Amino acid sequence: LALRRHGIDAEAANAIVDLFESPDDPRVEAAVDGFAPALA
């Protein structure tokens, strides 16, 4: 909106949000197995 107010057409799209929405990888189960709680 701030850019549009200055005459520059811009759209909002934060692709960073999509970075964690990758297909599941069952191998990660071995990485967290037995951890309670598990941290990254």
PDB file of all heavy atoms in Angstrom:
ATOM      1  N   LEU A   1       0.832  -1.207   0.000  1.00  0.00           N
ATOM      2  CA  LEU A   1       0.000   0.000   0.000  1.00  0.00           C
ATOM      3  C   LEU A   1       0.861   1.249   0.000  1.00  0.00           C
ATOM      4  O   LEU A   1       0.565   2.226  -0.724  1.00  0.00           O
ATOM      5  CB  LEU A   1      -0.921  -0.011   1.226  1.00  0.00           C
ATOM      6  CG  LEU A   1      -1.840   1.197   1.402  1.00  0.00           C
ATOM      7  CD1 LEU A   1      -2.773   1.339   0.199  1.00  0.00           C
ATOM      8  CD2 LEU A   1      -2.650   1.065   2.695  1.00  0.00           C
ATOM      9  N   ALA A   2       1.938   1.249   0.783  1.00  0.00           N
ATOM     10  CA  ALA A   2       2.829   2.406   0.827  1.00  0.00           C
ATOM     11  C   ALA A   2       3.435   2.678  -0.544  1.00  0.00           C
ATOM     12  O   ALA A   2       3.549   3.838  -0.977  1.00  0.00           O
ATOM     13  CB  ALA A   2       3.925   2.180   1.860  1.00  0.00           C
ATOM     14  N   LEU A   3       3.801   1.630  -1.266  1.00  0.00           N
ATOM     15  CA  LEU A   3       4.356   1.805  -2.607  1.00  0.00           C
ATOM     16  C   LEU A   3       3.296   2.311  -3.575  1.00  0.00           C
ATOM     17  O   LEU A   3       3.567   3.191  -4.404  1.00  0.00           O
ATOM     18  CB  LEU A   3       4.948   0.485  -3.104  1.00  0.00           C
ATOM     19  CG  LEU A   3       6.240   0.030  -2.422  1.00  0.00           C
ATOM     20  CD1 LEU A   3       6.602  -1.388  -2.848  1.00  0.00           C
ATOM     21  CD2 LEU A   3       7.394   0.990  -2.743  1.00  0.00           C
ATOM     22  N   ARG A   4       2.092   1.765  -3.463  1.00  0.00           N
ATOM     23  CA  ARG A   4       1.017   2.212  -4.369  1.00  0.00           C
ATOM     24  C   ARG A   4       0.692   3.676  -4.137  1.00  0.00           C
ATOM     25  O   ARG A   4       0.362   4.409  -5.089  1.00  0.00           O
ATOM     26  CB  ARG A   4      -0.221   1.338  -4.183  1.00  0.00           C
ATOM     27  CG  ARG A   4      -0.057  -0.085  -4.727  1.00  0.00           C
ATOM     28  CD  ARG A   4      -1.393  -0.779  -4.916  1.00  0.00           C
ATOM     29  NE  ARG A   4      -2.083  -0.984  -3.652  1.00  0.00           N
ATOM     30  CZ  ARG A   4      -1.958  -2.065  -2.896  1.00  0.00           C
ATOM     31  NH1 ARG A   4      -1.134  -3.051  -3.264  1.00  0.00           N
ATOM     32  NH2 ARG A   4      -2.639  -2.192  -1.767  1.00  0.00           N
ATOM     33  N   ARG A   5       0.781   4.129  -2.917  1.00  0.00           N
ATOM     34  CA  ARG A   5       0.535   5.547  -2.628  1.00  0.00           C
ATOM     35  C   ARG A   5       1.569   6.446  -3.301  1.00  0.00           C
ATOM     36  O   ARG A   5       1.306   7.626  -3.530  1.00  0.00           O
ATOM     37  CB  ARG A   5       0.554   5.783  -1.112  1.00  0.00           C
ATOM     38  CG  ARG A   5      -0.717   5.299  -0.411  1.00  0.00           C
ATOM     39  CD  ARG A   5      -0.568   5.395   1.094  1.00  0.00           C
ATOM     40  NE  ARG A   5      -1.810   5.070   1.775  1.00  0.00           N
ATOM     41  CZ  ARG A   5      -1.909   4.769   3.067  1.00  0.00           C
ATOM     42  NH1 ARG A   5      -0.797   4.762   3.817  1.00  0.00           N
ATOM     43  NH2 ARG A   5      -3.075   4.479   3.610  1.00  0.00           N
ATOM     44  N   HIS A   6       2.724   5.868  -3.609  1.00  0.00           N
ATOM     45  CA  HIS A   6       3.770   6.615  -4.309  1.00  0.00           C
ATOM     46  C   HIS A   6       3.774   6.319  -5.806  1.00  0.00           C
ATOM     47  O   HIS A   6       4.758   6.602  -6.490  1.00  0.00           O
ATOM     48  CB  HIS A   6       5.131   6.282  -3.701  1.00  0.00           C
ATOM     49  CG  HIS A   6       5.291   6.787  -2.297  1.00  0.00           C
ATOM     50  ND1 HIS A   6       6.382   6.449  -1.512  1.00  0.00           N
ATOM     51  CD2 HIS A   6       4.515   7.596  -1.529  1.00  0.00           C
ATOM     52  CE1 HIS A   6       6.264   7.040  -0.319  1.00  0.00           C
ATOM     53  NE2 HIS A   6       5.137   7.735  -0.312  1.00  0.00           N
ATOM     54  N   GLY A   7       2.677   5.729  -6.273  1.00  0.00           N
ATOM     55  CA  GLY A   7       2.533   5.502  -7.704  1.00  0.00           C
ATOM     56  C   GLY A   7       3.215   4.256  -8.240  1.00  0.00           C
ATOM     57  O   GLY A   7       3.377   4.114  -9.461  1.00  0.00           O
ATOM     58  N   ILE A   8       3.619   3.342  -7.359  1.00  0.00           N
ATOM     59  CA  ILE A   8       4.299   2.114  -7.787  1.00  0.00           C
ATOM     60  C   ILE A   8       3.395   0.938  -7.476  1.00  0.00           C
ATOM     61  O   ILE A   8       3.143   0.620  -6.309  1.00  0.00           O
ATOM     62  CB  ILE A   8       5.650   1.953  -7.069  1.00  0.00           C
ATOM     63  CG1 ILE A   8       6.551   3.147  -7.379  1.00  0.00           C
ATOM     64  CG2 ILE A   8       6.330   0.651  -7.483  1.00  0.00           C
ATOM     65  CD1 ILE A   8       7.805   3.184  -6.546  1.00  0.00           C
ATOM     66  N   ASP A   9       2.891   0.292  -8.516  1.00  0.00           N
ATOM     67  CA  ASP A   9       1.992  -0.837  -8.331  1.00  0.00           C
ATOM     68  C   ASP A   9       2.755  -2.011  -7.722  1.00  0.00           C
ATOM     69  O   ASP A   9       3.798  -2.417  -8.241  1.00  0.00           O
ATOM     70  CB  ASP A   9       1.382  -1.256  -9.675  1.00  0.00           C
ATOM     71  CG  ASP A   9       0.273  -2.273  -9.500  1.00  0.00           C
ATOM     72  OD1 ASP A   9      -0.338  -2.297  -8.420  1.00  0.00           O
ATOM     73  OD2 ASP A   9       0.034  -3.059 -10.434  1.00  0.00           O
ATOM     74  N   ALA A  10       2.271  -2.536  -6.620  1.00  0.00           N
ATOM     75  CA  ALA A  10       2.930  -3.653  -5.943  1.00  0.00           C
ATOM     76  C   ALA A  10       1.871  -4.546  -5.321  1.00  0.00           C
ATOM     77  O   ALA A  10       0.773  -4.098  -4.968  1.00  0.00           O
ATOM     78  CB  ALA A  10       3.888  -3.142  -4.868  1.00  0.00           C
ATOM     79  N   GLU A  11       2.205  -5.819  -5.206  1.00  0.00           N
ATOM     80  CA  GLU A  11       1.305  -6.796  -4.615  1.00  0.00           C
ATOM     81  C   GLU A  11       1.973  -7.435  -3.404  1.00  0.00           C
ATOM     82  O   GLU A  11       3.198  -7.551  -3.348  1.00  0.00           O
ATOM     83  CB  GLU A  11       0.957  -7.883  -5.641  1.00  0.00           C
ATOM     84  CG  GLU A  11       0.346  -7.352  -6.925  1.00  0.00           C
ATOM     85  CD  GLU A  11       0.166  -8.439  -7.964  1.00  0.00           C
ATOM     86  OE1 GLU A  11      -0.307  -9.542  -7.588  1.00  0.00           O
ATOM     87  OE2 GLU A  11       0.507  -8.204  -9.129  1.00  0.00           O
ATOM     88  N   ALA A  12       1.159  -7.865  -2.449  1.00  0.00           N
ATOM     89  CA  ALA A  12       1.681  -8.532  -1.255  1.00  0.00           C
ATOM     90  C   ALA A  12       1.725 -10.038  -1.494  1.00  0.00           C
ATOM     91  O   ALA A  12       0.727 -10.640  -1.887  1.00  0.00           O
ATOM     92  CB  ALA A  12       0.800  -8.217  -0.050  1.00  0.00           C
ATOM     93  N   ALA A  13       2.888 -10.629  -1.286  1.00  0.00           N
ATOM     94  CA  ALA A  13       3.041 -12.086  -1.410  1.00  0.00           C
ATOM     95  C   ALA A  13       4.322 -12.481  -0.688  1.00  0.00           C
ATOM     96  O   ALA A  13       5.415 -12.252  -1.194  1.00  0.00           O
ATOM     97  CB  ALA A  13       3.093 -12.508  -2.875  1.00  0.00           C
ATOM     98  N   ASN A  14       4.187 -13.056   0.482  1.00  0.00           N
ATOM     99  CA  ASN A  14       5.345 -13.440   1.282  1.00  0.00           C
ATOM    100  C   ASN A  14       5.649 -14.918   1.049  1.00  0.00           C
ATOM    101  O   ASN A  14       5.104 -15.799   1.717  1.00  0.00           O
ATOM    102  CB  ASN A  14       5.086 -13.172   2.761  1.00  0.00           C
ATOM    103  CG  ASN A  14       6.342 -13.349   3.598  1.00  0.00           C
ATOM    104  OD1 ASN A  14       7.397 -13.716   3.087  1.00  0.00           O
ATOM    105  ND2 ASN A  14       6.236 -13.081   4.886  1.00  0.00           N
ATOM    106  N   ALA A  15       6.535 -15.197   0.102  1.00  0.00           N
ATOM    107  CA  ALA A  15       6.841 -16.583  -0.243  1.00  0.00           C
ATOM    108  C   ALA A  15       7.590 -17.317   0.859  1.00  0.00           C
ATOM    109  O   ALA A  15       7.664 -18.551   0.846  1.00  0.00           O
ATOM    110  CB  ALA A  15       7.650 -16.617  -1.535  1.00  0.00           C
ATOM    111  N   ILE A  16       8.163 -16.594   1.823  1.00  0.00           N
ATOM    112  CA  ILE A  16       8.848 -17.256   2.935  1.00  0.00           C
ATOM    113  C   ILE A  16       7.890 -18.185   3.671  1.00  0.00           C
ATOM    114  O   ILE A  16       8.277 -19.259   4.145  1.00  0.00           O
ATOM    115  CB  ILE A  16       9.434 -16.210   3.903  1.00  0.00           C
ATOM    116  CG1 ILE A  16      10.516 -15.388   3.215  1.00  0.00           C
ATOM    117  CG2 ILE A  16       9.998 -16.887   5.156  1.00  0.00           C
ATOM    118  CD1 ILE A  16      11.030 -14.229   4.049  1.00  0.00           C
ATOM    119  N   VAL A  17       6.624 -17.790   3.753  1.00  0.00           N
ATOM    120  CA  VAL A  17       5.623 -18.598   4.451  1.00  0.00           C
ATOM    121  C   VAL A  17       5.508 -19.982   3.822  1.00  0.00           C
ATOM    122  O   VAL A  17       5.227 -20.970   4.502  1.00  0.00           O
ATOM    123  CB  VAL A  17       4.255 -17.885   4.434  1.00  0.00           C
ATOM    124  CG1 VAL A  17       3.209 -18.708   5.159  1.00  0.00           C
ATOM    125  CG2 VAL A  17       4.377 -16.503   5.065  1.00  0.00           C
ATOM    126  N   ASP A  18       5.754 -20.067   2.533  1.00  0.00           N
ATOM    127  CA  ASP A  18       5.586 -21.333   1.820  1.00  0.00           C
ATOM    128  C   ASP A  18       6.781 -22.266   1.958  1.00  0.00           C
ATOM    129  O   ASP A  18       6.707 -23.423   1.532  1.00  0.00           O
ATOM    130  CB  ASP A  18       5.337 -21.064   0.329  1.00  0.00           C
ATOM    131  CG  ASP A  18       4.106 -20.214   0.104  1.00  0.00           C
ATOM    132  OD1 ASP A  18       3.064 -20.522   0.703  1.00  0.00           O
ATOM    133  OD2 ASP A  18       4.182 -19.229  -0.654  1.00  0.00           O
ATOM    134  N   LEU A  19       7.880 -21.790   2.522  1.00  0.00           N
ATOM    135  CA  LEU A  19       9.078 -22.609   2.557  1.00  0.00           C
ATOM    136  C   LEU A  19       8.910 -23.854   3.415  1.00  0.00           C
ATOM    137  O   LEU A  19       9.549 -24.874   3.167  1.00  0.00           O
ATOM    138  CB  LEU A  19      10.271 -21.791   3.062  1.00  0.00           C
ATOM    139  CG  LEU A  19      10.723 -20.630   2.172  1.00  0.00           C
ATOM    140  CD1 LEU A  19      11.932 -19.942   2.780  1.00  0.00           C
ATOM    141  CD2 LEU A  19      11.032 -21.105   0.762  1.00  0.00           C
ATOM    142  N   PHE A  20       8.059 -23.801   4.444  1.00  0.00           N
ATOM    143  CA  PHE A  20       7.902 -24.964   5.306  1.00  0.00           C
ATOM    144  C   PHE A  20       6.823 -25.908   4.792  1.00  0.00           C
ATOM    145  O   PHE A  20       6.645 -27.005   5.321  1.00  0.00           O
ATOM    146  CB  PHE A  20       7.576 -24.535   6.746  1.00  0.00           C
ATOM    147  CG  PHE A  20       6.180 -24.025   6.949  1.00  0.00           C
ATOM    148  CD1 PHE A  20       5.174 -24.871   7.346  1.00  0.00           C
ATOM    149  CD2 PHE A  20       5.876 -22.687   6.750  1.00  0.00           C
ATOM    150  CE1 PHE A  20       3.883 -24.395   7.545  1.00  0.00           C
ATOM    151  CE2 PHE A  20       4.602 -22.204   6.950  1.00  0.00           C
ATOM    152  CZ  PHE A  20       3.591 -23.063   7.350  1.00  0.00           C
ATOM    153  N   GLU A  21       6.112 -25.513   3.746  1.00  0.00           N
ATOM    154  CA  GLU A  21       5.042 -26.360   3.223  1.00  0.00           C
ATOM    155  C   GLU A  21       5.550 -27.284   2.121  1.00  0.00           C
ATOM    156  O   GLU A  21       4.994 -27.370   1.039  1.00  0.00           O
ATOM    157  CB  GLU A  21       3.895 -25.485   2.710  1.00  0.00           C
ATOM    158  CG  GLU A  21       3.186 -24.728   3.815  1.00  0.00           C
ATOM    159  CD  GLU A  21       1.903 -24.071   3.356  1.00  0.00           C
ATOM    160  OE1 GLU A  21       1.757 -23.877   2.127  1.00  0.00           O
ATOM    161  OE2 GLU A  21       1.062 -23.770   4.203  1.00  0.00           O
ATOM    162  N   SER A  22       6.635 -27.975   2.399  1.00  0.00           N
ATOM    163  CA  SER A  22       7.193 -28.936   1.459  1.00  0.00           C
ATOM    164  C   SER A  22       6.593 -30.314   1.737  1.00  0.00           C
ATOM    165  O   SER A  22       6.042 -30.555   2.813  1.00  0.00           O
ATOM    166  CB  SER A  22       8.716 -28.978   1.592  1.00  0.00           C
ATOM    167  OG  SER A  22       9.077 -29.240   2.932  1.00  0.00           O
ATOM    168  N   PRO A  23       6.682 -31.242   0.791  1.00  0.00           N
ATOM    169  CA  PRO A  23       6.161 -32.599   1.030  1.00  0.00           C
ATOM    170  C   PRO A  23       6.817 -33.227   2.252  1.00  0.00           C
ATOM    171  O   PRO A  23       7.981 -32.964   2.562  1.00  0.00           O
ATOM    172  CB  PRO A  23       6.536 -33.348  -0.258  1.00  0.00           C
ATOM    173  CG  PRO A  23       6.689 -32.287  -1.292  1.00  0.00           C
ATOM    174  CD  PRO A  23       7.224 -31.078  -0.574  1.00  0.00           C
ATOM    175  N   ASP A  24       6.068 -34.050   2.951  1.00  0.00           N
ATOM    176  CA  ASP A  24       6.610 -34.684   4.143  1.00  0.00           C
ATOM    177  C   ASP A  24       7.747 -35.631   3.763  1.00  0.00           C
ATOM    178  O   ASP A  24       7.763 -36.209   2.677  1.00  0.00           O
ATOM    179  CB  ASP A  24       5.516 -35.449   4.887  1.00  0.00           C
ATOM    180  CG  ASP A  24       5.937 -35.829   6.286  1.00  0.00           C
ATOM    181  OD1 ASP A  24       6.694 -35.057   6.903  1.00  0.00           O
ATOM    182  OD2 ASP A  24       5.534 -36.901   6.762  1.00  0.00           O
ATOM    183  N   ASP A  25       8.706 -35.749   4.653  1.00  0.00           N
ATOM    184  CA  ASP A  25       9.848 -36.631   4.445  1.00  0.00           C
ATOM    185  C   ASP A  25       9.900 -37.604   5.620  1.00  0.00           C
ATOM    186  O   ASP A  25      10.242 -37.211   6.738  1.00  0.00           O
ATOM    187  CB  ASP A  25      11.142 -35.807   4.373  1.00  0.00           C
ATOM    188  CG  ASP A  25      12.345 -36.633   3.971  1.00  0.00           C
ATOM    189  OD1 ASP A  25      12.301 -37.872   4.156  1.00  0.00           O
ATOM    190  OD2 ASP A  25      13.329 -36.050   3.489  1.00  0.00           O
ATOM    191  N   PRO A  26       9.553 -38.867   5.404  1.00  0.00           N
ATOM    192  CA  PRO A  26       9.487 -39.810   6.534  1.00  0.00           C
ATOM    193  C   PRO A  26      10.829 -40.030   7.211  1.00  0.00           C
ATOM    194  O   PRO A  26      10.868 -40.498   8.360  1.00  0.00           O
ATOM    195  CB  PRO A  26       8.975 -41.106   5.874  1.00  0.00           C
ATOM    196  CG  PRO A  26       9.269 -40.965   4.413  1.00  0.00           C
ATOM    197  CD  PRO A  26       9.156 -39.492   4.126  1.00  0.00           C
ATOM    198  N   ARG A  27      11.937 -39.666   6.564  1.00  0.00           N
ATOM    199  CA  ARG A  27      13.251 -39.846   7.173  1.00  0.00           C
ATOM    200  C   ARG A  27      13.419 -38.989   8.419  1.00  0.00           C
ATOM    201  O   ARG A  27      14.253 -39.296   9.291  1.00  0.00           O
ATOM    202  CB  ARG A  27      14.352 -39.522   6.167  1.00  0.00           C
ATOM    203  CG  ARG A  27      14.388 -40.426   4.952  1.00  0.00           C
ATOM    204  CD  ARG A  27      15.443 -39.961   3.964  1.00  0.00           C
ATOM    205  NE  ARG A  27      15.182 -38.597   3.491  1.00  0.00           N
ATOM    206  CZ  ARG A  27      16.001 -37.922   2.682  1.00  0.00           C
ATOM    207  NH1 ARG A  27      17.129 -38.475   2.271  1.00  0.00           N
ATOM    208  NH2 ARG A  27      15.695 -36.692   2.297  1.00  0.00           N
ATOM    209  N   VAL A  28      12.631 -37.905   8.512  1.00  0.00           N
ATOM    210  CA  VAL A  28      12.787 -37.017   9.662  1.00  0.00           C
ATOM    211  C   VAL A  28      12.318 -37.676  10.950  1.00  0.00           C
ATOM    212  O   VAL A  28      12.692 -37.255  12.054  1.00  0.00           O
ATOM    213  CB  VAL A  28      12.040 -35.680   9.407  1.00  0.00           C
ATOM    214  CG1 VAL A  28      10.552 -35.829   9.649  1.00  0.00           C
ATOM    215  CG2 VAL A  28      12.612 -34.564  10.273  1.00  0.00           C
ATOM    216  N   GLU A  29      11.499 -38.734  10.838  1.00  0.00           N
ATOM    217  CA  GLU A  29      11.047 -39.434  12.041  1.00  0.00           C
ATOM    218  C   GLU A  29      12.232 -39.991  12.824  1.00  0.00           C
ATOM    219  O   GLU A  29      12.250 -39.979  14.049  1.00  0.00           O
ATOM    220  CB  GLU A  29      10.082 -40.568  11.668  1.00  0.00           C
ATOM    221  CG  GLU A  29       8.711 -40.088  11.220  1.00  0.00           C
ATOM    222  CD  GLU A  29       7.909 -39.473  12.356  1.00  0.00           C
ATOM    223  OE1 GLU A  29       8.285 -39.646  13.529  1.00  0.00           O
ATOM    224  OE2 GLU A  29       6.904 -38.799  12.065  1.00  0.00           O
ATOM    225  N   ALA A  30      13.235 -40.473  12.091  1.00  0.00           N
ATOM    226  CA  ALA A  30      14.425 -40.998  12.764  1.00  0.00           C
ATOM    227  C   ALA A  30      15.205 -39.890  13.449  1.00  0.00           C
ATOM    228  O   ALA A  30      15.902 -40.119  14.448  1.00  0.00           O
ATOM    229  CB  ALA A  30      15.316 -41.723  11.757  1.00  0.00           C
ATOM    230  N   ALA A  31      15.087 -38.661  12.943  1.00  0.00           N
ATOM    231  CA  ALA A  31      15.814 -37.529  13.533  1.00  0.00           C
ATOM    232  C   ALA A  31      15.232 -37.121  14.878  1.00  0.00           C
ATOM    233  O   ALA A  31      15.964 -36.661  15.760  1.00  0.00           O
ATOM    234  CB  ALA A  31      15.804 -36.346  12.574  1.00  0.00           C
ATOM    235  N   VAL A  32      13.926 -37.269  15.050  1.00  0.00           N
ATOM    236  CA  VAL A  32      13.282 -36.832  16.299  1.00  0.00           C
ATOM    237  C   VAL A  32      12.899 -37.994  17.206  1.00  0.00           C
ATOM    238  O   VAL A  32      12.396 -37.768  18.309  1.00  0.00           O
ATOM    239  CB  VAL A  32      12.023 -35.981  15.986  1.00  0.00           C
ATOM    240  CG1 VAL A  32      12.389 -34.735  15.205  1.00  0.00           C
ATOM    241  CG2 VAL A  32      10.976 -36.798  15.234  1.00  0.00           C
ATOM    242  N   ASP A  33      13.147 -39.208  16.770  1.00  0.00           N
ATOM    243  CA  ASP A  33      12.716 -40.387  17.519  1.00  0.00           C
ATOM    244  C   ASP A  33      13.252 -40.372  18.953  1.00  0.00           C
ATOM    245  O   ASP A  33      14.464 -40.237  19.187  1.00  0.00           O
ATOM    246  CB  ASP A  33      13.193 -41.658  16.804  1.00  0.00           C
ATOM    247  CG  ASP A  33      12.701 -42.911  17.497  1.00  0.00           C
ATOM    248  OD1 ASP A  33      11.511 -42.978  17.840  1.00  0.00           O
ATOM    249  OD2 ASP A  33      13.522 -43.818  17.713  1.00  0.00           O
ATOM    250  N   GLY A  34      12.338 -40.488  19.902  1.00  0.00           N
ATOM    251  CA  GLY A  34      12.710 -40.557  21.312  1.00  0.00           C
ATOM    252  C   GLY A  34      12.911 -39.228  21.997  1.00  0.00           C
ATOM    253  O   GLY A  34      13.123 -39.184  23.209  1.00  0.00           O
ATOM    254  N   PHE A  35      12.849 -38.135  21.256  1.00  0.00           N
ATOM    255  CA  PHE A  35      13.029 -36.812  21.855  1.00  0.00           C
ATOM    256  C   PHE A  35      11.685 -36.261  22.328  1.00  0.00           C
ATOM    257  O   PHE A  35      10.730 -36.166  21.564  1.00  0.00           O
ATOM    258  CB  PHE A  35      13.624 -35.833  20.846  1.00  0.00           C
ATOM    259  CG  PHE A  35      15.054 -36.138  20.443  1.00  0.00           C
ATOM    260  CD1 PHE A  35      15.598 -35.558  19.311  1.00  0.00           C
ATOM    261  CD2 PHE A  35      15.833 -36.989  21.191  1.00  0.00           C
ATOM    262  CE1 PHE A  35      16.905 -35.819  18.934  1.00  0.00           C
ATOM    263  CE2 PHE A  35      17.154 -37.263  20.829  1.00  0.00           C
ATOM    264  CZ  PHE A  35      17.684 -36.679  19.694  1.00  0.00           C
ATOM    265  N   ALA A  36      11.622 -35.858  23.600  1.00  0.00           N
ATOM    266  CA  ALA A  36      10.393 -35.289  24.151  1.00  0.00           C
ATOM    267  C   ALA A  36      10.776 -34.305  25.265  1.00  0.00           C
ATOM    268  O   ALA A  36      11.094 -34.735  26.376  1.00  0.00           O
ATOM    269  CB  ALA A  36       9.473 -36.391  24.690  1.00  0.00           C
ATOM    270  N   PRO A  37      10.785 -33.009  24.960  1.00  0.00           N
ATOM    271  CA  PRO A  37      10.402 -32.407  23.680  1.00  0.00           C
ATOM    272  C   PRO A  37      11.535 -32.448  22.649  1.00  0.00           C
ATOM    273  O   PRO A  37      12.701 -32.635  23.002  1.00  0.00           O
ATOM    274  CB  PRO A  37      10.097 -30.964  24.073  1.00  0.00           C
ATOM    275  CG  PRO A  37      11.044 -30.709  25.207  1.00  0.00           C
ATOM    276  CD  PRO A  37      11.118 -32.004  25.979  1.00  0.00           C
ATOM    277  N   ALA A  38      11.156 -32.235  21.399  1.00  0.00           N
ATOM    278  CA  ALA A  38      12.135 -32.121  20.322  1.00  0.00           C
ATOM    279  C   ALA A  38      12.270 -30.659  19.922  1.00  0.00           C
ATOM    280  O   ALA A  38      11.270 -29.944  19.768  1.00  0.00           O
ATOM    281  CB  ALA A  38      11.691 -32.948  19.109  1.00  0.00           C
ATOM    282  N   LEU A  39      13.518 -30.211  19.781  1.00  0.00           N
ATOM    283  CA  LEU A  39      13.814 -28.844  19.370  1.00  0.00           C
ATOM    284  C   LEU A  39      14.473 -28.870  17.990  1.00  0.00           C
ATOM    285  O   LEU A  39      15.004 -29.895  17.560  1.00  0.00           O
ATOM    286  CB  LEU A  39      14.759 -28.162  20.359  1.00  0.00           C
ATOM    287  CG  LEU A  39      14.466 -28.286  21.857  1.00  0.00           C
ATOM    288  CD1 LEU A  39      15.495 -27.475  22.646  1.00  0.00           C
ATOM    289  CD2 LEU A  39      13.061 -27.852  22.188  1.00  0.00           C
ATOM    290  N   ALA A  40      14.476 -27.726  17.328  1.00  0.00           N
ATOM    291  CA  ALA A  40      15.227 -27.566  16.085  1.00  0.00           C
ATOM    292  C   ALA A  40      16.318 -26.532  16.314  1.00  0.00           C
ATOM    293  O   ALA A  40      16.107 -25.530  17.011  1.00  0.00           O
ATOM    294  CB  ALA A  40      14.314 -27.120  14.943  1.00  0.00           C
TER     295      ALA A  40
END
